Amino acid sequence: MRVVLLAVNDDNVKIKKFLKRFGNLPSNISIVHDKKGKTMPMFGVVKVPETFVFSPDGDTLTKLVGPQDWDKGYYLSRVFSMLGLSSN
């Protein structure tokens, strides 16, 4: 599974500060910085944060609007289930 974190209209200092609280990220996580916000209209995003889950072939499986409490297992279990993966 590949995870892409997309920072939009933020400066590098804010992005680094946000990411620092997570420590070292696994190698399957990439950070992309869209300084000009060009990706937001492509996905119909009007307010951040939003989370998109895509199938391996690129179809959108779900969109979660607003901040998510990823510490609660419900969100991860839901995403893993959509992808046909085990959350254990």
Protein backbone atom coordinates (compact mmCIF):
# COMPACT_ATOMS: atom_id res chain seq x y z
CA MET A 1 0.00 0.00 0.00
CA ARG A 2 1.26 3.46 -0.91
CA VAL A 3 0.33 6.59 1.06
CA VAL A 4 0.73 10.10 -0.35
CA LEU A 5 0.46 13.09 1.96
CA LEU A 6 -0.32 16.20 -0.04
CA ALA A 7 0.39 19.57 1.54
CA VAL A 8 -1.43 22.42 -0.21
CA ASN A 9 -0.69 26.14 0.14
CA ASP A 10 1.56 25.61 3.17
CA ASP A 11 5.11 26.69 3.74
CA ASN A 12 7.91 24.22 4.39
CA VAL A 13 8.28 25.21 8.06
CA LYS A 14 4.62 24.38 8.82
CA ILE A 15 4.84 21.09 6.96
CA LYS A 16 7.99 20.01 8.81
CA LYS A 17 6.48 21.01 12.17
CA PHE A 18 3.34 18.97 11.42
CA LEU A 19 5.31 15.90 10.30
CA LYS A 20 7.74 16.07 13.24
CA ARG A 21 5.09 14.83 15.65
CA PHE A 22 4.90 11.52 13.76
CA GLY A 23 8.62 10.73 13.94
CA ASN A 24 10.17 8.72 11.14
CA LEU A 25 7.60 7.84 8.49
CA PRO A 26 7.61 4.42 6.82
CA SER A 27 9.14 4.18 3.35
CA ASN A 28 5.71 3.68 1.72
CA ILE A 29 4.71 7.25 2.65
CA SER A 30 5.55 10.12 0.31
CA ILE A 31 5.10 13.82 1.00
CA VAL A 32 4.11 16.03 -1.94
CA HIS A 33 4.02 19.81 -1.65
CA ASP A 34 1.59 21.64 -3.94
CA LYS A 35 2.66 25.22 -3.28
CA LYS A 36 0.13 26.76 -5.67
CA GLY A 37 -2.93 24.63 -4.82
CA LYS A 38 -3.34 23.32 -8.35
CA THR A 39 -4.45 19.85 -7.21
CA MET A 40 -7.44 21.01 -5.16
CA PRO A 41 -9.75 21.70 -8.14
CA MET A 42 -8.64 18.43 -9.77
CA PHE A 43 -10.19 16.50 -6.87
CA GLY A 44 -13.03 18.89 -6.07
CA VAL A 45 -11.49 19.97 -2.78
CA VAL A 46 -12.75 23.25 -1.37
CA LYS A 47 -11.59 22.88 2.23
CA VAL A 48 -8.71 20.96 3.75
CA PRO A 49 -8.02 18.50 5.17
CA GLU A 50 -9.63 15.83 3.06
CA THR A 51 -8.62 12.20 2.76
CA PHE A 52 -9.04 10.19 -0.42
CA VAL A 53 -8.68 6.44 -0.70
CA PHE A 54 -7.94 5.09 -4.16
CA SER A 55 -8.01 1.53 -5.40
CA PRO A 56 -4.82 0.14 -6.97
CA ASP A 57 -6.24 0.97 -10.42
CA GLY A 58 -6.87 4.62 -9.45
CA ASP A 59 -10.62 4.60 -8.78
CA THR A 60 -11.77 6.73 -5.82
CA LEU A 61 -13.12 4.42 -3.12
CA THR A 62 -14.01 7.08 -0.57
CA LYS A 63 -13.46 10.67 0.46
CA LEU A 64 -13.30 11.69 4.13
CA VAL A 65 -13.94 15.40 4.70
CA GLY A 66 -12.30 17.23 7.58
CA PRO A 67 -9.74 16.07 10.12
CA GLN A 68 -9.93 12.41 11.08
CA ASP A 69 -8.92 10.96 14.42
CA TRP A 70 -6.56 8.31 13.04
CA ASP A 71 -5.78 7.13 16.58
CA LYS A 72 -9.24 5.55 16.62
CA GLY A 73 -9.05 2.16 14.96
CA TYR A 74 -12.36 2.67 13.16
CA TYR A 75 -10.86 4.83 10.42
CA LEU A 76 -7.92 2.58 9.67
CA SER A 77 -10.10 -0.54 9.77
CA ARG A 78 -12.52 1.07 7.31
CA VAL A 79 -9.76 2.03 4.88
CA PHE A 80 -8.04 -1.35 5.12
CA SER A 81 -11.37 -3.11 4.55
CA MET A 82 -12.02 -1.08 1.39
CA LEU A 83 -8.61 -2.10 0.11
CA GLY A 84 -9.13 -5.76 1.00
CA LEU A 85 -6.35 -5.66 3.58
CA SER A 86 -6.14 -6.81 7.18
CA SER A 87 -5.73 -4.05 9.79
CA ASN A 88 -3.79 -6.37 12.13
